Each structure stands twice: as C-alpha cells, then as structure tokens.
Amino acid sequence: MATSAQTLSMIIDELLKTKPANRDEALKHLDSKGYLPKKLLEQPKTVKPPSIFASKAAEDFADANGITIPEGFKGTSGKDKISVSDLKKLKDPPKSKINGSPSALKFARDNGIDIDGLVGSGVDGKIMLKDVKALKPEEPEAPKEPEAPKEPETSETPEEPKEPETSETPEEPKEPEKKGKKVSLSVAKAMKKYSIDEQDIEDIEPSGKNGELLLKDIKEIIELFENPPDSDSDRSDESDEDN
C-alpha cells in the first residue's frame, strides 16, 4: 500500500489525465483504481428532526386525513407532542355552545331556524322561546269575506249632561308584585322534567285561581319536547291535579 503522500500524488495525476466532469465521476473513477478509502465513499447520514407527534399512530392519522398542523400548535402529550385526540379536534373543531333555553333551542331545531349569533332577551343575552318565535315567518291569513252593509243608524236622543262627579277617595298604593309566577305542582314537575326556563313562561297568561299557572297553560311548550305522533287523539291530555 502506498503512503498517503504517494496516494495523493497518484490521485492528482489520475484526475489531470481523466479530467472528470464532476465530483461524483471523479470519486467513481478513483474508487475503481483503488485510490480512495471506504469512509470517503460512504454517504453522510441525514439526521431526522425530532417528530412533533406523540406516536406513529398520530403521524399516520394526520397523513391519512390530510391535517395541516398550524404553526406553533402544541399538543397535549409530553413535551407538547401532538396526540390522536389533538388531531381529531383539529379535524372536527367543537361547535360553540348557543346560550339559549331548552325550549328555544328545541323550537329552533324543529322549525329550521338559524339562531347562531342571535342575542336573546334573557339574562346575559340568553335566547328565550319568544325570541325564536319572533323569527318564524307568519303564515298568510285567509282572505276575509266582505261584511254586509250596515243599516244607517237612527238619530238618538242626545244624552243629558252628566252631573260633575264628586271627588273620590284616592286609592291606596298597591303593594309591588312579587317576581316569578305562581305555578301549580304539575307545572313545577313539568318544568323540572323538560328543563323549561322560568323566563319562557313569564308572558303566559295563567288560567288558574289566584293567577296560578296550570299545566294546560304551558301545553304548547310541553308539546315541543313530547312531539305527539299525529294528533292529540293518540293520547289523552294530562289532567292538571290543581285544576
């Protein structure tokens, strides 16, 4: 084996004689002559950057679903690595919850009314049933039949002038009404069962004694949740034990 100086001299002479077009051709030619050590011919190993994924399954899930990882996104696994659950949230982000009463949300779904972004009349902008009902288009009324012409009124005897009324005793100031409606036991049970919001019954006129709200008064709201199949004849109406 020639010394390093001799080998270098032979390499230079060989390159001047063959004049290779590029480095790869030069290395290939010198290797065929046995002038190069094996280490020089070995390709340098590429160092892979550390994976951002917590597992191979997470990496495969991202590739299979074509998920683009936002810049600066941090996963929930150790060292901020991205897990499969993180990728599922990126694929199908959760929808923001609408602040509305159960009755309002049910009415909106049943009638195909979009209430996304709607600010309701309840506390903190909560959407109430009346807010959604106001968005439902009104059905056109049937044309009314023309009324029969009225007969001309006969002249009436002019009324005699009334005597001036005597001053009445001023009414005593009424006590302020208490907030919240008075509801029957059946109504209270129904409100608890269907999660009916108190603000959804504020505008309902009670038909019970002493202004008490009965079950039949909130029948429309209950039917939103019960969804009777065809008609009310398929089931008897619930009787109000307080009626």
C-alpha atoms as a PDB file:
ATOM      1  CA  MET A   1       0.000   0.000   0.000  1.00  0.00           C
ATOM      2  CA  ALA A   2       1.353   3.364  -0.982  1.00  0.00           C
ATOM      3  CA  THR A   3       1.905   6.078   1.583  1.00  0.00           C
ATOM      4  CA  SER A   4      -0.518   8.965   1.934  1.00  0.00           C
ATOM      5  CA  ALA A   5       1.784  11.304   0.003  1.00  0.00           C
ATOM      6  CA  GLN A   6       2.207   8.795  -2.772  1.00  0.00           C
ATOM      7  CA  THR A   7      -1.545   8.119  -2.907  1.00  0.00           C
ATOM      8  CA  LEU A   8      -2.284  11.811  -3.093  1.00  0.00           C
ATOM      9  CA  SER A   9       0.227  12.222  -5.922  1.00  0.00           C
ATOM     10  CA  MET A  10      -1.345   9.358  -7.871  1.00  0.00           C
ATOM     11  CA  ILE A  11      -4.841  10.844  -7.347  1.00  0.00           C
ATOM     12  CA  ILE A  12      -3.736  14.206  -8.716  1.00  0.00           C
ATOM     13  CA  ASP A  13      -2.108  12.601 -11.760  1.00  0.00           C
ATOM     14  CA  GLU A  14      -5.162  10.472 -12.426  1.00  0.00           C
ATOM     15  CA  LEU A  15      -7.521  13.439 -12.217  1.00  0.00           C
ATOM     16  CA  LEU A  16      -5.342  15.503 -14.593  1.00  0.00           C
ATOM     17  CA  LYS A  17      -5.318  12.641 -17.056  1.00  0.00           C
ATOM     18  CA  THR A  18      -9.025  11.717 -16.999  1.00  0.00           C
ATOM     19  CA  LYS A  19     -10.469  15.191 -16.322  1.00  0.00           C
ATOM     20  CA  PRO A  20     -13.802  14.038 -14.818  1.00  0.00           C
ATOM     21  CA  ALA A  21     -16.842  16.275 -15.374  1.00  0.00           C
ATOM     22  CA  ASN A  22     -17.892  16.391 -11.732  1.00  0.00           C
ATOM     23  CA  ARG A  23     -17.087  15.179  -8.247  1.00  0.00           C
ATOM     24  CA  ASP A  24     -19.199  12.019  -8.476  1.00  0.00           C
ATOM     25  CA  GLU A  25     -17.391  10.910 -11.653  1.00  0.00           C
ATOM     26  CA  ALA A  26     -14.025  11.641 -10.052  1.00  0.00           C
ATOM     27  CA  LEU A  27     -14.831   9.574  -6.955  1.00  0.00           C
ATOM     28  CA  LYS A  28     -16.174   6.721  -9.077  1.00  0.00           C
ATOM     29  CA  HIS A  29     -13.028   6.656 -11.232  1.00  0.00           C
ATOM     30  CA  LEU A  30     -10.623   6.881  -8.292  1.00  0.00           C
ATOM     31  CA  ASP A  31     -12.532   4.141  -6.489  1.00  0.00           C
ATOM     32  CA  SER A  32     -12.100   1.839  -9.476  1.00  0.00           C
ATOM     33  CA  LYS A  33      -8.366   2.429  -9.248  1.00  0.00           C
ATOM     34  CA  GLY A  34      -8.364   1.640  -5.524  1.00  0.00           C
ATOM     35  CA  TYR A  35      -7.105   5.096  -4.542  1.00  0.00           C
ATOM     36  CA  LEU A  36      -9.891   6.001  -2.124  1.00  0.00           C
ATOM     37  CA  PRO A  37     -10.608   4.786   1.419  1.00  0.00           C
ATOM     38  CA  LYS A  38     -14.065   3.308   2.063  1.00  0.00           C
ATOM     39  CA  LYS A  39     -15.033   6.038   4.529  1.00  0.00           C
ATOM     40  CA  LEU A  40     -14.783   8.657   1.825  1.00  0.00           C
ATOM     41  CA  LEU A  41     -17.291   6.774  -0.313  1.00  0.00           C
ATOM     42  CA  GLU A  42     -19.904   6.395   2.455  1.00  0.00           C
ATOM     43  CA  GLN A  43     -22.851   8.782   2.191  1.00  0.00           C
ATOM     44  CA  PRO A  44     -23.252  11.047   5.209  1.00  0.00           C
ATOM     45  CA  LYS A  45     -26.175  10.043   7.389  1.00  0.00           C
ATOM     46  CA  THR A  46     -29.032  12.532   7.443  1.00  0.00           C
ATOM     47  CA  VAL A  47     -30.248  13.408  10.917  1.00  0.00           C
ATOM     48  CA  LYS A  48     -34.057  13.388  11.070  1.00  0.00           C
ATOM     49  CA  PRO A  49     -35.589  16.261  13.033  1.00  0.00           C
ATOM     50  CA  PRO A  50     -37.495  15.185  16.146  1.00  0.00           C
ATOM     51  CA  SER A  51     -41.111  14.262  15.413  1.00  0.00           C
ATOM     52  CA  ILE A  52     -43.879  16.586  16.546  1.00  0.00           C
ATOM     53  CA  PHE A  53     -46.193  13.611  17.003  1.00  0.00           C
ATOM     54  CA  ALA A  54     -46.578  11.617  20.202  1.00  0.00           C
ATOM     55  CA  SER A  55     -46.822   8.298  18.344  1.00  0.00           C
ATOM     56  CA  LYS A  56     -46.651   6.664  14.919  1.00  0.00           C
ATOM     57  CA  ALA A  57     -50.441   6.296  15.056  1.00  0.00           C
ATOM     58  CA  ALA A  58     -50.816  10.078  15.389  1.00  0.00           C
ATOM     59  CA  GLU A  59     -48.492  10.669  12.445  1.00  0.00           C
ATOM     60  CA  ASP A  60     -50.428   8.157  10.297  1.00  0.00           C
ATOM     61  CA  PHE A  61     -53.752   9.747  11.309  1.00  0.00           C
ATOM     62  CA  ALA A  62     -52.530  13.191  10.235  1.00  0.00           C
ATOM     63  CA  ASP A  63     -51.321  11.860   6.858  1.00  0.00           C
ATOM     64  CA  ALA A  64     -54.492   9.842   6.206  1.00  0.00           C
ATOM     65  CA  ASN A  65     -56.779  12.814   6.885  1.00  0.00           C
ATOM     66  CA  GLY A  66     -54.599  15.489   5.313  1.00  0.00           C
ATOM     67  CA  ILE A  67     -54.463  17.525   8.520  1.00  0.00           C
ATOM     68  CA  THR A  68     -52.253  20.599   8.388  1.00  0.00           C
ATOM     69  CA  ILE A  69     -50.698  21.403  11.749  1.00  0.00           C
ATOM     70  CA  PRO A  70     -50.952  25.154  12.472  1.00  0.00           C
ATOM     71  CA  GLU A  71     -47.699  26.919  13.151  1.00  0.00           C
ATOM     72  CA  GLY A  72     -46.906  26.998  16.860  1.00  0.00           C
ATOM     73  CA  PHE A  73     -49.575  24.379  17.692  1.00  0.00           C
ATOM     74  CA  LYS A  74     -48.785  22.498  20.909  1.00  0.00           C
ATOM     75  CA  GLY A  75     -50.149  19.068  21.684  1.00  0.00           C
ATOM     76  CA  THR A  76     -51.381  17.740  24.995  1.00  0.00           C
ATOM     77  CA  SER A  77     -48.856  14.912  25.292  1.00  0.00           C
ATOM     78  CA  GLY A  78     -45.442  15.122  26.917  1.00  0.00           C
ATOM     79  CA  LYS A  79     -43.074  17.782  25.541  1.00  0.00           C
ATOM     80  CA  ASP A  80     -46.060  19.342  23.714  1.00  0.00           C
ATOM     81  CA  LYS A  81     -46.214  16.452  21.248  1.00  0.00           C
ATOM     82  CA  ILE A  82     -49.405  16.001  19.242  1.00  0.00           C
ATOM     83  CA  SER A  83     -51.658  13.030  20.007  1.00  0.00           C
ATOM     84  CA  VAL A  84     -54.506  11.443  18.022  1.00  0.00           C
ATOM     85  CA  SER A  85     -57.075  13.234  20.206  1.00  0.00           C
ATOM     86  CA  ASP A  86     -55.422  16.580  19.378  1.00  0.00           C
ATOM     87  CA  LEU A  87     -55.643  15.759  15.668  1.00  0.00           C
ATOM     88  CA  LYS A  88     -59.332  14.837  15.943  1.00  0.00           C
ATOM     89  CA  LYS A  89     -60.046  18.264  17.424  1.00  0.00           C
ATOM     90  CA  LEU A  90     -58.166  19.904  14.551  1.00  0.00           C
ATOM     91  CA  LYS A  91     -60.129  17.859  12.041  1.00  0.00           C
ATOM     92  CA  ASP A  92     -63.560  18.487  13.573  1.00  0.00           C
ATOM     93  CA  PRO A  93     -63.376  21.524  15.889  1.00  0.00           C
ATOM     94  CA  PRO A  94     -66.163  21.598  18.515  1.00  0.00           C
ATOM     95  CA  LYS A  95     -69.031  23.981  17.793  1.00  0.00           C
ATOM     96  CA  SER A  96     -69.578  26.864  20.155  1.00  0.00           C
ATOM     97  CA  LYS A  97     -72.487  26.328  22.535  1.00  0.00           C
ATOM     98  CA  ILE A  98     -75.509  28.568  21.946  1.00  0.00           C
ATOM     99  CA  ASN A  99     -76.769  30.402  25.015  1.00  0.00           C
ATOM    100  CA  GLY A 100     -80.472  29.579  24.889  1.00  0.00           C
ATOM    101  CA  SER A 101     -83.212  27.940  26.917  1.00  0.00           C
ATOM    102  CA  PRO A 102     -84.016  24.270  26.093  1.00  0.00           C
ATOM    103  CA  SER A 103     -87.457  25.297  24.785  1.00  0.00           C
ATOM    104  CA  ALA A 104     -85.935  27.910  22.475  1.00  0.00           C
ATOM    105  CA  LEU A 105     -83.298  25.512  21.122  1.00  0.00           C
ATOM    106  CA  LYS A 106     -85.917  22.785  20.536  1.00  0.00           C
ATOM    107  CA  PHE A 107     -88.262  25.191  18.729  1.00  0.00           C
ATOM    108  CA  ALA A 108     -85.394  26.425  16.535  1.00  0.00           C
ATOM    109  CA  ARG A 109     -84.383  22.874  15.559  1.00  0.00           C
ATOM    110  CA  ASP A 110     -87.946  21.774  14.815  1.00  0.00           C
ATOM    111  CA  ASN A 111     -88.603  24.794  12.597  1.00  0.00           C
ATOM    112  CA  GLY A 112     -85.209  25.044  10.910  1.00  0.00           C
ATOM    113  CA  ILE A 113     -84.465  28.488  12.346  1.00  0.00           C
ATOM    114  CA  ASP A 114     -80.820  29.571  12.458  1.00  0.00           C
ATOM    115  CA  ILE A 115     -80.122  31.281  15.795  1.00  0.00           C
ATOM    116  CA  ASP A 116     -76.333  31.292  15.567  1.00  0.00           C
ATOM    117  CA  GLY A 117     -75.141  34.729  16.675  1.00  0.00           C
ATOM    118  CA  LEU A 118     -78.594  35.760  17.937  1.00  0.00           C
ATOM    119  CA  VAL A 119     -78.637  37.823  21.137  1.00  0.00           C
ATOM    120  CA  GLY A 120     -81.737  36.974  23.149  1.00  0.00           C
ATOM    121  CA  SER A 121     -83.852  38.933  25.596  1.00  0.00           C
ATOM    122  CA  GLY A 122     -82.877  36.822  28.616  1.00  0.00           C
ATOM    123  CA  VAL A 123     -80.158  37.356  31.167  1.00  0.00           C
ATOM    124  CA  ASP A 124     -76.716  37.829  29.553  1.00  0.00           C
ATOM    125  CA  GLY A 125     -78.301  37.696  26.099  1.00  0.00           C
ATOM    126  CA  LYS A 126     -79.850  34.260  26.638  1.00  0.00           C
ATOM    127  CA  ILE A 127     -82.164  33.263  23.779  1.00  0.00           C
ATOM    128  CA  MET A 128     -85.699  32.655  25.010  1.00  0.00           C
ATOM    129  CA  LEU A 129     -88.611  30.896  23.309  1.00  0.00           C
ATOM    130  CA  LYS A 130     -90.316  34.163  22.372  1.00  0.00           C
ATOM    131  CA  ASP A 131     -87.122  35.359  20.645  1.00  0.00           C
ATOM    132  CA  VAL A 132     -87.117  32.331  18.350  1.00  0.00           C
ATOM    133  CA  LYS A 133     -90.862  32.507  17.725  1.00  0.00           C
ATOM    134  CA  ALA A 134     -90.399  36.078  16.511  1.00  0.00           C
ATOM    135  CA  LEU A 135     -88.060  34.774  13.775  1.00  0.00           C
ATOM    136  CA  LYS A 136     -90.574  32.278  12.395  1.00  0.00           C
ATOM    137  CA  PRO A 137     -92.331  33.730   9.317  1.00  0.00           C
ATOM    138  CA  GLU A 138     -96.043  34.258   9.827  1.00  0.00           C
ATOM    139  CA  GLU A 139     -98.418  32.194   7.721  1.00  0.00           C
ATOM    140  CA  PRO A 140    -100.599  34.275   5.360  1.00  0.00           C
ATOM    141  CA  GLU A 141    -104.120  34.781   6.663  1.00  0.00           C
ATOM    142  CA  ALA A 142    -107.081  33.567   4.638  1.00  0.00           C
ATOM    143  CA  PRO A 143    -108.992  36.403   2.901  1.00  0.00           C
ATOM    144  CA  LYS A 144    -111.947  37.593   4.940  1.00  0.00           C
ATOM    145  CA  GLU A 145    -115.449  37.669   3.476  1.00  0.00           C
ATOM    146  CA  PRO A 146    -116.807  41.165   2.851  1.00  0.00           C
ATOM    147  CA  GLU A 147    -119.110  42.351   5.604  1.00  0.00           C
ATOM    148  CA  ALA A 148    -122.720  43.092   4.848  1.00  0.00           C
ATOM    149  CA  PRO A 149    -123.501  46.813   4.623  1.00  0.00           C
ATOM    150  CA  LYS A 150    -124.748  48.189   7.895  1.00  0.00           C
ATOM    151  CA  GLU A 151    -128.109  49.903   8.153  1.00  0.00           C
ATOM    152  CA  PRO A 152    -127.959  53.625   8.779  1.00  0.00           C
ATOM    153  CA  GLU A 153    -128.196  54.360  12.421  1.00  0.00           C
ATOM    154  CA  THR A 154    -131.244  56.240  13.626  1.00  0.00           C
ATOM    155  CA  SER A 155    -130.707  59.507  15.322  1.00  0.00           C
ATOM    156  CA  GLU A 156    -130.602  59.030  19.009  1.00  0.00           C
ATOM    157  CA  THR A 157    -131.849  61.359  21.651  1.00  0.00           C
ATOM    158  CA  PRO A 158    -128.948  63.490  22.811  1.00  0.00           C
ATOM    159  CA  GLU A 159    -127.703  62.491  26.191  1.00  0.00           C
ATOM    160  CA  GLU A 160    -128.431  64.731  29.082  1.00  0.00           C
ATOM    161  CA  PRO A 161    -125.371  66.430  30.540  1.00  0.00           C
ATOM    162  CA  LYS A 162    -123.980  64.455  33.413  1.00  0.00           C
ATOM    163  CA  GLU A 163    -123.532  65.956  36.778  1.00  0.00           C
ATOM    164  CA  PRO A 164    -119.926  66.557  37.773  1.00  0.00           C
ATOM    165  CA  GLU A 165    -118.560  63.620  39.659  1.00  0.00           C
ATOM    166  CA  THR A 166    -117.733  64.104  43.252  1.00  0.00           C
ATOM    167  CA  SER A 167    -114.141  63.737  44.278  1.00  0.00           C
ATOM    168  CA  GLU A 168    -113.373  60.170  45.177  1.00  0.00           C
ATOM    169  CA  THR A 169    -111.145  58.991  47.894  1.00  0.00           C
ATOM    170  CA  PRO A 170    -107.684  58.437  46.422  1.00  0.00           C
ATOM    171  CA  GLU A 171    -106.778  54.774  46.052  1.00  0.00           C
ATOM    172  CA  GLU A 172    -104.243  53.352  48.384  1.00  0.00           C
ATOM    173  CA  PRO A 173    -100.934  52.481  46.718  1.00  0.00           C
ATOM    174  CA  LYS A 174    -100.764  48.823  45.733  1.00  0.00           C
ATOM    175  CA  GLU A 175     -98.043  46.584  47.007  1.00  0.00           C
ATOM    176  CA  PRO A 176     -95.413  45.793  44.405  1.00  0.00           C
ATOM    177  CA  GLU A 177     -95.943  42.417  42.724  1.00  0.00           C
ATOM    178  CA  LYS A 178     -93.539  39.705  43.620  1.00  0.00           C
ATOM    179  CA  LYS A 179     -91.275  38.413  40.889  1.00  0.00           C
ATOM    180  CA  GLY A 180     -91.953  34.968  39.494  1.00  0.00           C
ATOM    181  CA  LYS A 181     -95.225  33.323  38.589  1.00  0.00           C
ATOM    182  CA  LYS A 182     -97.328  31.219  40.884  1.00  0.00           C
ATOM    183  CA  VAL A 183     -97.305  27.732  39.361  1.00  0.00           C
ATOM    184  CA  SER A 184     -99.171  24.541  40.158  1.00  0.00           C
ATOM    185  CA  LEU A 185     -97.388  21.413  41.313  1.00  0.00           C
ATOM    186  CA  SER A 186     -97.918  19.798  37.898  1.00  0.00           C
ATOM    187  CA  VAL A 187     -96.316  22.779  36.161  1.00  0.00           C
ATOM    188  CA  ALA A 188     -93.362  22.698  38.549  1.00  0.00           C
ATOM    189  CA  LYS A 189     -92.837  18.999  37.803  1.00  0.00           C
ATOM    190  CA  ALA A 190     -93.060  19.584  34.043  1.00  0.00           C
ATOM    191  CA  MET A 191     -90.590  22.474  34.203  1.00  0.00           C
ATOM    192  CA  LYS A 192     -88.112  20.276  36.058  1.00  0.00           C
ATOM    193  CA  LYS A 193     -88.659  17.320  33.716  1.00  0.00           C
ATOM    194  CA  TYR A 194     -88.169  19.292  30.483  1.00  0.00           C
ATOM    195  CA  SER A 195     -85.743  21.924  31.878  1.00  0.00           C
ATOM    196  CA  ILE A 196     -88.163  24.723  30.992  1.00  0.00           C
ATOM    197  CA  ASP A 197     -86.678  28.146  31.728  1.00  0.00           C
ATOM    198  CA  GLU A 198     -88.687  30.437  34.032  1.00  0.00           C
ATOM    199  CA  GLN A 199     -88.317  33.313  31.575  1.00  0.00           C
ATOM    200  CA  ASP A 200     -90.129  31.237  28.918  1.00  0.00           C
ATOM    201  CA  ILE A 201     -93.333  31.259  30.991  1.00  0.00           C
ATOM    202  CA  GLU A 202     -93.278  34.938  32.013  1.00  0.00           C
ATOM    203  CA  ASP A 203     -95.593  36.062  29.181  1.00  0.00           C
ATOM    204  CA  ILE A 204     -98.092  33.185  29.528  1.00  0.00           C
ATOM    205  CA  GLU A 205    -101.477  34.194  30.947  1.00  0.00           C
ATOM    206  CA  PRO A 206    -102.418  31.907  33.871  1.00  0.00           C
ATOM    207  CA  SER A 207    -105.886  30.350  33.901  1.00  0.00           C
ATOM    208  CA  GLY A 208    -105.938  29.012  37.451  1.00  0.00           C
ATOM    209  CA  LYS A 209    -107.337  30.539  40.595  1.00  0.00           C
ATOM    210  CA  ASN A 210    -105.478  33.480  42.076  1.00  0.00           C
ATOM    211  CA  GLY A 211    -103.306  33.766  38.959  1.00  0.00           C
ATOM    212  CA  GLU A 212    -101.892  30.246  39.238  1.00  0.00           C
ATOM    213  CA  LEU A 213    -100.284  28.778  36.115  1.00  0.00           C
ATOM    214  CA  LEU A 214    -101.776  25.402  35.192  1.00  0.00           C
ATOM    215  CA  LEU A 215    -100.423  22.566  33.071  1.00  0.00           C
ATOM    216  CA  LYS A 216    -102.739  23.364  30.171  1.00  0.00           C
ATOM    217  CA  ASP A 217    -101.320  26.901  30.053  1.00  0.00           C
ATOM    218  CA  ILE A 218     -97.865  25.571  29.082  1.00  0.00           C
ATOM    219  CA  LYS A 219     -99.192  22.822  26.791  1.00  0.00           C
ATOM    220  CA  GLU A 220     -97.502  24.370  23.749  1.00  0.00           C
ATOM    221  CA  ILE A 221     -94.055  24.248  25.384  1.00  0.00           C
ATOM    222  CA  ILE A 222     -94.550  20.672  26.606  1.00  0.00           C
ATOM    223  CA  GLU A 223     -95.533  19.538  23.101  1.00  0.00           C
ATOM    224  CA  LEU A 224     -92.158  20.781  21.841  1.00  0.00           C
ATOM    225  CA  PHE A 225     -90.489  18.022  23.864  1.00  0.00           C
ATOM    226  CA  GLU A 226     -93.135  15.292  23.687  1.00  0.00           C
ATOM    227  CA  ASN A 227     -93.640  15.509  19.891  1.00  0.00           C
ATOM    228  CA  PRO A 228     -97.017  13.716  19.582  1.00  0.00           C
ATOM    229  CA  PRO A 229     -97.044  11.317  16.541  1.00  0.00           C
ATOM    230  CA  ASP A 230    -100.059  12.514  14.560  1.00  0.00           C
ATOM    231  CA  SER A 231    -102.774  14.112  16.641  1.00  0.00           C
ATOM    232  CA  ASP A 232    -103.751  14.715  20.190  1.00  0.00           C
ATOM    233  CA  SER A 233    -106.295  11.870  19.878  1.00  0.00           C
ATOM    234  CA  ASP A 234    -103.462   9.325  20.162  1.00  0.00           C
ATOM    235  CA  ARG A 235    -103.003  10.249  23.786  1.00  0.00           C
ATOM    236  CA  SER A 236    -105.228  11.845  26.357  1.00  0.00           C
ATOM    237  CA  ASP A 237    -104.206  15.239  27.641  1.00  0.00           C
ATOM    238  CA  GLU A 238    -102.560  15.229  31.011  1.00  0.00           C
ATOM    239  CA  SER A 239    -105.037  16.382  33.612  1.00  0.00           C
ATOM    240  CA  ASP A 240    -103.905  19.111  35.962  1.00  0.00           C
ATOM    241  CA  GLU A 241    -104.327  17.941  39.501  1.00  0.00           C
ATOM    242  CA  ASP A 242    -104.678  21.577  40.612  1.00  0.00           C
ATOM    243  CA  ASN A 243    -107.389  22.493  38.058  1.00  0.00           C
END
